C-alpha cells in the first residue's frame, strides 16, 4: 500500500515532466537571423543598426535618389523606410519596429543577402573579391547593397526574376572582358542584367526608382544586349532606345 501511495504521488510529476518535454520538442526552431535589430529605429537615431537598416531599404530612395548608408537616421532614411512599408502593406509611418524588422528578416538569407540574389551572382569573374579598385571587403559590401536594390526592384516588377549576368571584376578580369578602365564593376557596385521575362528597357526604366546613379542600356554603345546598373557619384543614365 505504501508503495502504491508513493507511485500515485509521483505520477503527476512524471506527467508534467513528459508534457513539458513534448511541448519543448514540438516548438519550431526559430530561423537564424543575419542581424538582430534590438530597438525601434526612427528619425534621429544613429549607430550600426541604422546602417544595417539602410542597407536593406537602400532600394527605396525614390525616383533619381540614392540613400546614404551612413548610420544616421535622417529624412531620407525615413522616406525609404516608409516606401518599403508601403511596398509590403505595412503601417507606413517611417518608423522601423517589429513588423518592419520581421518583413526584412523574411527577405534575407543567413549571410545577409536578399533571398532572391547571391554573392555568387555578383561575382562570376573572380575567385574572391580582391584585385579591384577597392579593398575586397569594400567590394563585397558594395555588392550587398546592390543586391538589396535589385531585391526592391524585383518586387516592384511584380516579383518576377531578374537575371544577373555579372558584377564585380578584378582589374585583370575587367581587362580580359574589355571593360572600361574606370568601370564600376571594379568597385563591386555594378550589375549587368539579362532581359529575362522583363526586357532590357523595362529594367532600365524601373532602375531609376531604386538608387542606381548609373544606368546604361539599349542605344548606349555596347549595351544593346544587357542593362547595366551601378552606383557612382553623379548621375549618368543613358539608354536612348528606352527613352532614357
Protein backbone atom coordinates (compact mmCIF):
# COMPACT_ATOMS: atom_id res chain seq x y z
CA UNK A 1 0.00 0.00 0.00
CA UNK A 2 2.80 2.38 0.87
CA UNK A 3 4.50 1.70 -2.47
CA UNK A 4 1.23 2.32 -4.31
CA UNK A 5 0.75 5.58 -2.42
CA UNK A 6 4.27 6.74 -3.36
CA UNK A 7 3.66 5.81 -7.01
CA UNK A 8 0.41 7.74 -7.09
CA UNK A 9 2.16 10.75 -5.57
CA UNK A 10 4.91 10.68 -8.21
CA UNK A 11 2.64 10.20 -11.26
CA UNK A 12 1.55 13.87 -11.53
CA UNK A 13 5.21 14.97 -11.51
CA UNK A 14 6.10 12.44 -14.20
CA UNK A 15 3.16 13.55 -16.31
CA UNK A 16 4.19 17.20 -16.02
CA UNK A 17 7.76 16.35 -17.00
CA UNK A 18 6.63 14.37 -20.04
CA UNK A 19 4.23 17.15 -21.07
CA UNK A 20 6.97 19.77 -20.77
CA UNK A 21 9.35 17.65 -22.81
CA UNK A 22 6.75 17.16 -25.53
CA UNK A 23 5.90 20.85 -25.58
CA UNK A 24 9.54 21.91 -25.85
CA UNK A 25 10.42 19.43 -28.57
CA UNK A 26 7.31 20.36 -30.57
CA UNK A 27 8.15 24.08 -30.67
CA UNK A 28 9.58 25.07 -34.07
CA UNK A 29 13.15 26.29 -34.09
CA UNK A 30 13.39 29.97 -34.98
CA UNK A 31 15.32 30.75 -38.15
CA UNK A 32 18.77 32.19 -37.68
CA UNK A 33 18.80 35.90 -38.45
CA UNK A 34 21.69 37.64 -40.13
CA UNK A 35 21.34 40.74 -37.96
CA UNK A 36 19.25 41.14 -34.83
CA UNK A 37 17.62 44.54 -34.51
CA UNK A 38 17.11 45.17 -30.81
CA UNK A 39 15.35 48.53 -30.73
CA UNK A 40 12.79 50.55 -32.65
CA UNK A 41 14.51 52.94 -35.05
CA UNK A 42 13.17 56.34 -36.03
CA UNK A 43 14.41 59.68 -37.27
CA UNK A 44 17.24 60.97 -35.10
CA UNK A 45 18.67 57.54 -34.27
CA UNK A 46 22.22 56.61 -35.19
CA UNK A 47 24.51 53.61 -35.00
CA UNK A 48 25.34 50.31 -36.66
CA UNK A 49 21.73 49.13 -36.50
CA UNK A 50 20.68 52.20 -38.51
CA UNK A 51 23.35 51.39 -41.09
CA UNK A 52 22.11 47.82 -41.33
CA UNK A 53 18.59 49.11 -41.83
CA UNK A 54 19.77 51.49 -44.54
CA UNK A 55 21.41 48.64 -46.45
CA UNK A 56 18.13 46.74 -46.50
CA UNK A 57 15.97 49.71 -47.59
CA UNK A 58 18.56 51.16 -49.99
CA UNK A 59 16.31 50.23 -52.90
CA UNK A 60 13.56 52.61 -51.76
CA UNK A 61 15.08 56.12 -52.02
CA UNK A 62 12.59 57.46 -54.56
CA UNK A 63 13.00 58.41 -58.21
CA UNK A 64 16.54 59.50 -59.04
CA UNK A 65 17.71 59.48 -55.41
CA UNK A 66 20.38 57.45 -53.61
CA UNK A 67 20.11 56.65 -49.91
CA UNK A 68 23.26 57.44 -47.91
CA UNK A 69 24.37 54.45 -45.86
CA UNK A 70 25.98 56.37 -43.03
CA UNK A 71 24.31 55.13 -39.85
CA UNK A 72 22.35 58.38 -39.43
CA UNK A 73 18.56 58.09 -39.50
CA UNK A 74 17.58 61.27 -41.31
CA UNK A 75 14.71 62.33 -43.53
CA UNK A 76 15.98 60.23 -46.44
CA UNK A 77 16.04 57.07 -44.34
CA UNK A 78 12.56 57.78 -43.00
CA UNK A 79 11.27 58.20 -46.55
CA UNK A 80 12.94 54.95 -47.65
CA UNK A 81 11.50 53.03 -44.69
CA UNK A 82 8.07 54.47 -45.48
CA UNK A 83 8.29 53.34 -49.11
CA UNK A 84 9.43 49.89 -48.03
CA UNK A 85 6.49 49.65 -45.64
CA UNK A 86 4.08 50.75 -48.37
CA UNK A 87 5.54 48.20 -50.78
CA UNK A 88 4.75 45.37 -48.37
CA UNK A 89 1.45 46.58 -46.98
CA UNK A 90 2.76 47.56 -43.54
CA UNK A 91 1.73 50.58 -41.49
CA UNK A 92 3.69 53.27 -43.33
CA UNK A 93 4.95 55.63 -40.63
CA UNK A 94 8.67 55.62 -41.42
CA UNK A 95 9.45 54.05 -38.05
CA UNK A 96 11.23 50.69 -38.13
CA UNK A 97 9.76 48.44 -35.47
CA UNK A 98 8.89 44.78 -35.03
CA UNK A 99 6.68 44.46 -38.13
CA UNK A 100 9.27 46.10 -40.38
CA UNK A 101 12.12 44.01 -38.98
CA UNK A 102 10.07 40.84 -39.35
CA UNK A 103 9.41 41.56 -43.01
CA UNK A 104 13.09 42.39 -43.62
CA UNK A 105 14.11 39.16 -41.91
CA UNK A 106 11.78 37.18 -44.17
CA UNK A 107 13.54 38.68 -47.18
CA UNK A 108 17.11 37.74 -46.25
CA UNK A 109 19.27 34.67 -46.03
CA UNK A 110 21.65 33.90 -43.17
CA UNK A 111 24.57 35.59 -44.97
CA UNK A 112 22.64 38.90 -45.15
CA UNK A 113 21.94 38.66 -48.87
CA UNK A 114 18.34 39.09 -50.02
CA UNK A 115 16.58 35.81 -50.71
CA UNK A 116 16.49 36.21 -54.48
CA UNK A 117 20.14 37.14 -55.04
CA UNK A 118 23.52 35.76 -54.02
CA UNK A 119 27.16 36.73 -53.79
CA UNK A 120 27.92 34.15 -56.48
CA UNK A 121 25.72 36.02 -58.97
CA UNK A 122 27.51 39.27 -58.24
CA UNK A 123 30.97 37.72 -58.61
CA UNK A 124 31.12 35.43 -61.62
CA UNK A 125 34.51 36.64 -62.83
CA UNK A 126 36.71 36.23 -59.74
CA UNK A 127 37.53 33.58 -57.21
CA UNK A 128 37.30 36.22 -54.47
CA UNK A 129 36.66 39.94 -54.09
CA UNK A 130 40.25 41.12 -54.39
CA UNK A 131 42.09 42.86 -57.19
CA UNK A 132 39.60 45.59 -57.94
CA UNK A 133 39.70 49.34 -57.39
CA UNK A 134 38.79 48.98 -53.70
CA UNK A 135 39.55 46.51 -50.94
CA UNK A 136 37.94 43.08 -51.07
CA UNK A 137 35.79 43.92 -48.04
CA UNK A 138 34.53 47.12 -49.65
CA UNK A 139 33.79 45.44 -52.96
CA UNK A 140 31.79 42.73 -51.20
CA UNK A 141 29.85 45.21 -49.07
CA UNK A 142 29.09 47.29 -52.18
CA UNK A 143 27.74 44.18 -53.87
CA UNK A 144 25.48 43.52 -50.89
CA UNK A 145 23.90 46.96 -51.23
CA UNK A 146 23.44 46.38 -54.96
CA UNK A 147 21.61 43.13 -54.24
CA UNK A 148 19.19 44.84 -51.85
CA UNK A 149 18.48 47.47 -54.50
CA UNK A 150 17.79 44.72 -57.00
CA UNK A 151 15.52 42.99 -54.49
CA UNK A 152 13.43 46.17 -54.22
CA UNK A 153 13.39 46.49 -58.00
CA UNK A 154 12.32 42.86 -58.38
CA UNK A 155 9.41 43.36 -56.00
CA UNK A 156 8.31 46.50 -57.84
CA UNK A 157 8.28 44.48 -61.08
CA UNK A 158 5.81 42.00 -59.66
CA UNK A 159 8.41 39.71 -58.08
CA UNK A 160 9.49 38.49 -61.49
CA UNK A 161 13.04 37.07 -61.55
CA UNK A 162 15.87 39.41 -62.52
CA UNK A 163 18.74 37.74 -64.34
CA UNK A 164 22.19 38.86 -63.16
CA UNK A 165 24.92 38.04 -65.66
CA UNK A 166 27.83 39.73 -63.90
CA UNK A 167 29.01 42.01 -61.16
CA UNK A 168 32.39 42.54 -59.51
CA UNK A 169 35.55 42.29 -61.59
CA UNK A 170 39.20 42.46 -60.67
CA UNK A 171 41.40 44.64 -62.88
CA UNK A 172 42.68 41.52 -64.63
CA UNK A 173 39.18 40.21 -65.21
CA UNK A 174 37.93 43.60 -66.37
CA UNK A 175 40.77 43.82 -68.88
CA UNK A 176 40.07 40.30 -70.12
CA UNK A 177 36.44 41.13 -70.96
CA UNK A 178 37.30 44.52 -72.47
CA UNK A 179 35.74 46.58 -69.67
CA UNK A 180 36.27 50.32 -69.37
CA UNK A 181 39.26 51.41 -67.30
CA UNK A 182 37.05 53.16 -64.75
CA UNK A 183 34.27 50.57 -64.78
CA UNK A 184 32.06 50.47 -61.71
CA UNK A 185 32.45 46.70 -61.84
CA UNK A 186 35.88 47.28 -60.29
CA UNK A 187 34.12 48.69 -57.21
CA UNK A 188 31.65 45.85 -56.76
CA UNK A 189 28.57 48.09 -57.02
CA UNK A 190 27.61 47.25 -60.62
CA UNK A 191 25.45 44.52 -62.11
CA UNK A 192 24.77 43.54 -65.70
CA UNK A 193 21.20 42.34 -66.15
CA UNK A 194 19.79 39.97 -68.75
CA UNK A 195 16.42 40.57 -70.38
CA UNK A 196 14.73 37.53 -68.82
CA UNK A 197 10.95 37.90 -68.96
CA UNK A 198 11.11 41.62 -68.21
CA UNK A 199 13.13 43.14 -71.06
CA UNK A 200 16.11 45.46 -71.09
CA UNK A 201 14.15 48.71 -71.38
CA UNK A 202 11.75 47.88 -68.55
CA UNK A 203 14.72 47.06 -66.33
CA UNK A 204 16.46 50.34 -67.21
CA UNK A 205 13.31 52.37 -66.65
CA UNK A 206 12.49 50.74 -63.33
CA UNK A 207 16.07 51.08 -62.04
CA UNK A 208 15.59 54.86 -61.85
CA UNK A 209 13.46 54.34 -58.73
CA UNK A 210 15.86 52.13 -56.82
CA UNK A 211 19.05 54.02 -56.03
CA UNK A 212 21.12 53.49 -59.16
CA UNK A 213 23.02 56.58 -60.28
CA UNK A 214 24.40 54.74 -63.30
CA UNK A 215 22.01 53.08 -65.73
CA UNK A 216 23.15 52.07 -69.22
CA UNK A 217 21.03 50.13 -71.68
CA UNK A 218 19.89 49.71 -75.28
CA UNK A 219 21.08 52.53 -77.50
CA UNK A 220 24.18 53.20 -75.43
CA UNK A 221 27.36 51.82 -77.06
CA UNK A 222 27.91 48.11 -76.35
CA UNK A 223 24.79 47.87 -74.17
CA UNK A 224 22.16 46.56 -76.58
CA UNK A 225 22.43 43.07 -75.08
CA UNK A 226 22.11 43.95 -71.39
CA UNK A 227 21.11 46.61 -68.90
CA UNK A 228 23.88 47.86 -66.63
CA UNK A 229 23.12 49.36 -63.20
CA UNK A 230 25.58 50.75 -60.70
CA UNK A 231 26.25 53.42 -58.11
CA UNK A 232 28.54 56.38 -58.73
CA UNK A 233 28.98 59.98 -57.66
CA UNK A 234 26.78 61.94 -60.03
CA UNK A 235 24.00 60.61 -62.21
CA UNK A 236 24.70 59.06 -65.61
CA UNK A 237 21.67 57.45 -67.23
CA UNK A 238 21.76 56.54 -70.91
CA UNK A 239 19.51 54.06 -72.66
CA UNK A 240 18.35 56.07 -75.71
CA UNK A 241 16.33 53.22 -77.20
CA UNK A 242 14.33 53.14 -73.95
CA UNK A 243 13.72 56.89 -73.74
CA UNK A 244 16.38 57.40 -71.07
